[in-house]
Protein backbone atom coordinates (compact mmCIF):
# COMPACT_ATOMS: atom_id res chain seq x y z
CA MET A 1 -19.81 31.91 -55.26
CA TYR A 2 -16.57 32.68 -53.45
CA ALA A 3 -15.50 32.93 -49.84
CA ARG A 4 -18.09 33.82 -47.23
CA THR A 5 -16.03 34.82 -44.21
CA ALA A 6 -13.07 32.77 -43.09
CA SER A 7 -9.43 33.28 -44.10
CA ALA A 8 -7.67 30.18 -45.41
CA ALA A 9 -4.39 31.38 -43.94
CA ALA A 10 -5.92 31.62 -40.49
CA LEU A 11 -7.20 28.07 -40.81
CA LEU A 12 -4.17 26.32 -42.18
CA GLY A 13 -1.27 28.54 -41.27
CA ALA A 14 0.41 31.04 -43.52
CA ALA A 15 3.34 28.76 -44.15
CA ALA A 16 1.13 26.11 -45.72
CA LEU A 17 -0.45 28.56 -48.12
CA LEU A 18 2.53 30.37 -49.65
CA LEU A 19 1.64 31.20 -53.21
CA PRO A 20 3.78 31.60 -56.30
CA ALA A 21 4.73 35.06 -57.50
CA PRO A 22 1.88 37.14 -58.98
CA VAL A 23 0.71 35.83 -62.32
CA THR A 24 0.80 37.99 -65.42
CA ARG A 25 -2.69 38.08 -66.92
CA ALA A 26 -3.46 38.07 -70.63
CA ALA A 27 -5.04 41.22 -72.02
CA GLY A 28 -8.59 41.29 -73.31
CA PRO A 29 -12.11 40.81 -71.96
CA VAL A 30 -13.59 37.61 -70.60
CA ALA A 31 -17.08 36.35 -71.40
CA ARG A 32 -18.66 36.69 -67.95
CA PRO A 33 -19.87 39.71 -66.03
CA GLU A 34 -18.49 37.99 -62.88
CA GLY A 35 -15.54 35.76 -62.13
CA PRO A 36 -15.75 31.97 -62.09
CA SER A 37 -17.13 29.88 -59.24
CA VAL A 38 -14.41 28.11 -57.27
CA ILE A 39 -15.42 24.49 -56.61
CA ALA A 40 -13.64 22.46 -53.94
CA HIS A 41 -12.76 19.16 -55.65
CA ARG A 42 -13.71 16.22 -53.38
CA GLY A 43 -13.89 18.90 -50.69
CA ALA A 44 -10.76 20.81 -49.74
CA SER A 45 -8.82 17.73 -50.78
CA ALA A 46 -5.35 19.29 -50.75
CA TYR A 47 -5.71 19.73 -46.99
CA ALA A 48 -8.01 16.91 -45.84
CA PRO A 49 -8.72 13.36 -47.07
CA GLU A 50 -10.77 13.52 -50.24
CA ASN A 51 -14.51 12.88 -50.25
CA THR A 52 -14.72 12.78 -46.45
CA LEU A 53 -16.87 14.93 -44.19
CA ALA A 54 -13.63 16.47 -42.90
CA ALA A 55 -12.88 17.77 -46.41
CA VAL A 56 -16.40 19.17 -46.73
CA ASP A 57 -16.15 20.93 -43.39
CA LEU A 58 -12.73 22.35 -44.16
CA ALA A 59 -13.99 23.77 -47.45
CA ASP A 60 -16.78 25.40 -45.47
CA ARG A 61 -14.41 26.88 -42.89
CA MET A 62 -12.23 28.19 -45.71
CA GLY A 63 -15.33 29.93 -47.06
CA PHE A 64 -16.18 27.89 -50.16
CA ASP A 65 -19.81 27.31 -51.08
CA TRP A 66 -19.36 24.70 -53.81
CA VAL A 67 -18.00 21.20 -53.17
CA GLU A 68 -17.65 18.32 -55.63
CA ASN A 69 -17.93 14.62 -54.87
CA ASP A 70 -18.03 11.15 -56.45
CA VAL A 71 -20.82 8.61 -55.96
CA GLN A 72 -20.64 4.81 -56.36
CA ARG A 73 -22.75 1.86 -55.17
CA THR A 74 -22.00 -0.94 -52.68
CA LYS A 75 -22.78 -4.64 -53.01
CA ASP A 76 -26.03 -4.17 -51.08
CA GLY A 77 -27.15 -1.05 -52.93
CA GLU A 78 -25.99 1.79 -50.68
CA LEU A 79 -24.53 4.86 -52.36
CA VAL A 80 -21.16 5.91 -50.96
CA VAL A 81 -18.83 8.81 -51.68
CA VAL A 82 -15.54 7.48 -53.08
CA HIS A 83 -13.58 8.42 -56.19
CA ASP A 84 -11.85 5.15 -57.19
CA ASP A 85 -13.88 2.02 -57.90
CA SER A 86 -11.46 0.28 -55.50
CA LEU A 87 -11.16 1.11 -51.82
CA ALA A 88 -7.43 0.38 -51.73
CA ARG A 89 -5.93 3.84 -52.24
CA THR A 90 -7.93 5.83 -49.71
CA THR A 91 -8.78 3.34 -46.95
CA ASP A 92 -7.18 0.56 -44.89
CA VAL A 93 -9.22 -2.09 -46.70
CA GLU A 94 -6.15 -4.17 -47.62
CA LYS A 95 -5.29 -4.51 -43.93
CA ARG A 96 -8.87 -5.10 -42.80
CA PHE A 97 -9.87 -7.50 -45.59
CA PRO A 98 -6.57 -8.89 -46.95
CA GLY A 99 -8.10 -11.73 -48.93
CA ARG A 100 -10.52 -9.70 -51.03
CA SER A 101 -8.33 -8.12 -53.69
CA PRO A 102 -8.91 -5.99 -55.77
CA TRP A 103 -11.17 -4.45 -53.09
CA LYS A 104 -13.84 -3.12 -55.43
CA ILE A 105 -16.63 -1.05 -53.89
CA LYS A 106 -19.25 -3.16 -55.61
CA ASP A 107 -17.95 -6.26 -53.77
CA PHE A 108 -18.34 -4.81 -50.26
CA THR A 109 -21.44 -4.10 -48.21
CA ALA A 110 -22.12 -0.69 -46.76
CA ALA A 111 -21.60 -2.08 -43.25
CA GLU A 112 -18.14 -3.38 -44.19
CA ILE A 113 -17.15 -0.09 -45.77
CA ALA A 114 -18.36 1.80 -42.70
CA THR A 115 -15.66 0.07 -40.64
CA LEU A 116 -12.79 1.32 -42.80
CA ASP A 117 -10.37 4.10 -41.91
CA ALA A 118 -10.52 6.65 -44.75
CA GLY A 119 -8.26 9.26 -43.15
CA SER A 120 -4.98 7.76 -41.94
CA TRP A 121 -3.56 7.49 -45.46
CA PHE A 122 -3.71 11.29 -45.65
CA GLY A 123 -2.37 12.11 -42.21
CA PRO A 124 -2.44 10.95 -38.59
CA LYS A 125 -4.79 13.69 -37.45
CA PHE A 126 -7.47 12.31 -39.78
CA ALA A 127 -7.26 8.76 -38.44
CA GLY A 128 -10.70 7.23 -38.10
CA ALA A 129 -12.41 9.31 -40.77
CA ARG A 130 -15.02 7.20 -42.53
CA VAL A 131 -16.28 6.76 -46.07
CA PRO A 132 -19.57 8.67 -45.98
CA THR A 133 -22.77 7.45 -47.50
CA LEU A 134 -24.34 9.84 -49.97
CA ARG A 135 -27.07 10.58 -47.42
CA GLN A 136 -24.48 11.46 -44.76
CA TYR A 137 -22.60 13.60 -47.25
CA VAL A 138 -25.57 15.67 -48.44
CA ASN A 139 -26.73 16.10 -44.85
CA ARG A 140 -23.34 17.64 -44.03
CA VAL A 141 -23.42 19.86 -47.12
CA GLU A 142 -26.90 20.95 -46.06
CA ARG A 143 -25.76 21.70 -42.52
CA ASN A 144 -22.96 23.86 -43.91
CA HIS A 145 -25.31 25.69 -46.32
CA GLN A 146 -23.07 24.63 -49.20
CA LYS A 147 -23.81 23.64 -52.80
CA LEU A 148 -23.06 20.32 -54.46
CA LEU A 149 -21.56 19.29 -57.78
CA LEU A 150 -22.28 15.55 -57.67
CA GLU A 151 -20.49 13.18 -60.02
CA ILE A 152 -22.00 9.79 -60.80
CA LYS A 153 -18.80 7.78 -61.07
CA LYS A 154 -18.37 4.92 -63.54
CA PRO A 155 -22.11 4.47 -64.16
CA GLU A 156 -21.40 1.52 -66.44
CA LEU A 157 -20.54 -0.48 -63.30
CA TYR A 158 -23.82 0.33 -61.58
CA PRO A 159 -26.91 0.02 -63.81
CA GLY A 160 -29.70 2.21 -62.51
CA ILE A 161 -27.47 4.33 -60.27
CA GLU A 162 -29.09 7.50 -61.60
CA LYS A 163 -32.46 6.48 -60.16
CA ASP A 164 -30.80 5.47 -56.90
CA THR A 165 -29.03 8.82 -56.67
CA LEU A 166 -32.21 10.77 -57.27
CA ARG A 167 -34.00 8.70 -54.65
CA VAL A 168 -31.40 9.51 -51.99
CA LEU A 169 -31.45 13.19 -52.92
CA ARG A 170 -35.23 13.30 -52.79
CA ARG A 171 -35.39 11.65 -49.36
CA ALA A 172 -32.75 14.08 -48.10
CA GLY A 173 -34.79 17.06 -49.28
CA TRP A 174 -32.44 17.98 -52.11
CA LEU A 175 -34.94 17.82 -54.98
CA ASN A 176 -37.17 20.67 -53.92
CA LEU A 177 -37.31 23.85 -55.99
CA HIS A 178 -34.69 25.75 -54.01
CA HIS A 179 -32.04 23.02 -54.06
CA VAL A 180 -32.61 22.13 -57.70
CA LYS A 181 -32.48 25.75 -58.82
CA HIS A 182 -29.61 27.02 -56.69
CA ARG A 183 -27.60 24.29 -54.98
CA LEU A 184 -27.31 21.13 -57.10
CA VAL A 185 -25.61 20.01 -60.31
CA ILE A 186 -25.26 16.36 -61.34
CA GLN A 187 -22.47 15.43 -63.76
CA SER A 188 -20.82 12.35 -65.23
CA PHE A 189 -18.30 11.21 -67.82
CA GLY A 190 -21.07 8.95 -69.11
CA ALA A 191 -23.28 10.72 -71.62
CA ASP A 192 -26.00 8.09 -71.16
CA SER A 193 -25.90 8.69 -67.42
CA VAL A 194 -26.33 12.44 -67.86
CA LYS A 195 -29.20 11.76 -70.27
CA ALA A 196 -30.84 9.42 -67.75
CA VAL A 197 -30.76 12.10 -65.04
CA HIS A 198 -32.17 14.66 -67.45
CA GLU A 199 -34.96 12.33 -68.57
CA GLN A 200 -35.92 11.35 -65.01
CA ARG A 201 -35.69 14.87 -63.60
CA PRO A 202 -35.65 17.44 -66.41
CA ASP A 203 -35.51 20.28 -63.89
CA ILE A 204 -32.06 19.33 -62.56
CA THR A 205 -28.97 21.10 -63.90
CA THR A 206 -26.62 18.56 -65.45
CA GLY A 207 -23.02 18.55 -66.65
CA PHE A 208 -21.06 16.38 -69.05
CA LEU A 209 -17.46 15.72 -68.06
CA GLY A 210 -15.26 15.86 -71.11
CA ALA A 211 -14.65 17.87 -74.25
CA PRO A 212 -16.85 16.71 -77.15
CA PRO A 213 -15.84 17.92 -80.61
CA VAL A 214 -17.30 21.34 -81.38
CA ALA A 215 -19.44 19.86 -84.17
CA GLU A 216 -21.09 17.52 -81.63
CA LEU A 217 -21.82 20.14 -78.98
CA PRO A 218 -25.40 20.79 -80.19
CA LYS A 219 -26.22 17.13 -79.54
CA TYR A 220 -24.98 17.38 -75.96
CA ALA A 221 -26.81 20.67 -75.45
CA ARG A 222 -30.11 18.79 -75.74
CA PHE A 223 -29.59 17.04 -72.39
CA THR A 224 -26.97 19.00 -70.46
CA ASP A 225 -26.35 22.50 -69.15
CA GLN A 226 -22.59 22.31 -68.73
CA ILE A 227 -19.61 21.02 -70.66
CA ASN A 228 -16.85 20.38 -68.12
CA PRO A 229 -13.47 19.63 -69.75
CA PRO A 230 -9.97 19.12 -68.32
CA HIS A 231 -8.00 22.36 -68.18
CA THR A 232 -4.98 20.81 -69.86
CA SER A 233 -6.69 20.73 -73.26
CA LEU A 234 -9.01 23.72 -72.85
CA THR A 235 -8.67 26.75 -75.12
CA ALA A 236 -10.37 30.11 -75.36
CA ALA A 237 -11.85 29.09 -78.71
CA TYR A 238 -13.42 25.94 -77.26
CA THR A 239 -14.85 27.87 -74.32
CA ALA A 240 -16.36 30.39 -76.73
CA ALA A 241 -17.84 27.60 -78.86
CA VAL A 242 -19.59 26.13 -75.80
CA HIS A 243 -20.85 29.56 -74.75
CA ARG A 244 -22.41 30.16 -78.15
CA LEU A 245 -24.94 27.40 -77.47
CA LYS A 246 -27.92 27.14 -75.17
CA GLY A 247 -28.23 24.06 -72.99
CA ALA A 248 -31.12 21.86 -71.97
CA HIS A 249 -32.80 24.60 -69.96
CA GLY A 250 -32.52 27.28 -72.64
CA ARG A 251 -29.65 29.10 -70.97
CA GLN A 252 -26.09 29.56 -72.17
CA LEU A 253 -24.04 26.40 -71.84
CA LYS A 254 -21.47 26.78 -69.08
CA VAL A 255 -17.90 25.53 -68.72
CA ASN A 256 -16.47 24.21 -65.44
CA THR A 257 -12.89 23.07 -65.93
CA TRP A 258 -10.83 20.64 -63.81
CA THR A 259 -8.53 20.01 -61.95
CA VAL A 260 -6.78 23.39 -61.67
CA ASN A 261 -4.26 23.56 -58.82
CA THR A 262 -1.86 26.41 -59.61
CA ALA A 263 -2.28 30.16 -59.75
CA ALA A 264 -0.92 30.27 -63.30
CA ASP A 265 -3.40 27.71 -64.60
CA ALA A 266 -6.25 29.41 -62.75
CA ALA A 267 -5.39 32.76 -64.33
CA ARG A 268 -5.13 31.15 -67.76
CA VAL A 269 -8.56 29.49 -67.70
CA ASP A 270 -10.10 32.57 -66.09
CA ASP A 271 -8.96 34.54 -69.11
CA PHE A 272 -10.74 31.99 -71.31
CA GLY A 273 -13.98 33.00 -69.60
CA VAL A 274 -14.79 29.73 -67.81
CA ASP A 275 -17.76 29.73 -65.46
CA GLY A 276 -16.25 27.49 -62.80
CA ILE A 277 -12.87 26.14 -61.71
CA ILE A 278 -12.71 22.77 -59.95
CA THR A 279 -9.66 22.52 -57.71
CA ASN A 280 -7.98 20.66 -54.86
CA HIS A 281 -6.52 24.03 -53.77
CA PRO A 282 -9.51 26.38 -53.67
CA ASP A 283 -7.60 29.02 -51.71
CA ILE A 284 -4.88 29.30 -54.37
CA VAL A 285 -7.45 29.51 -57.17
CA ARG A 286 -9.53 32.09 -55.33
CA ASP A 287 -6.54 34.33 -54.80
CA ALA A 288 -5.48 33.94 -58.44
CA VAL A 289 -8.80 34.84 -60.00
CA GLY A 290 -9.79 37.51 -57.47
CA ASP A 291 -12.71 37.71 -55.09
């Protein structure tokens, strides 16, 4: 759930990891017998280019089991790990293919995307990092003995992407009992996408990204196991309302909140009793909520 061995300060240098002053915690009990899981958002994305294998590996070296990623589909049907539906922000696609604005993933083949530099925008030492395919990504997560919170991104752009995602996971060995029970969650902002995953593989743990009205939570609980809202609008009352319900697998609905990047915000949502905290700065969150 938390760090396994390595010290983040030893990896990145103490100067890079100076934290704010200790945070005053609110009084009162939280809902969980244990603290929240700390989930490295797009890998350790504060310190390495997001959604790359470098970010996955850094999260591993920092000692974090859970990583989160984003999955989209290329023109020729390959699943790749990128957050935006355009390649412009996180690759050199504008330089490599100047005449193909707005550089949408769905308009490029996997072979074209494989030629792009997905690291230089973040820093010179990451020059040459590539956009990984989903298969490459899960193979690296497997090698590192990590766990995966997989987001199906913008499913409305990619009809049938749920089936494609499950096919890649199955071929990579990620749909056996152990992975499904202990190492995999699939989430999306699209309720229909979450439903599709649940219908095709009812054994998989699923999450809905967003904060449905409390009155509608029972409807979501029929097909999901997690309600994962932004931390900026989260309250203790909403967390408690989610926890009062059982999800699709008959267990208490969980709350993973995003994207929490300061010690103060981490302490605040921890006091709400959240089950997981998704963060670009997993070291800061870990130190704030305790190990």
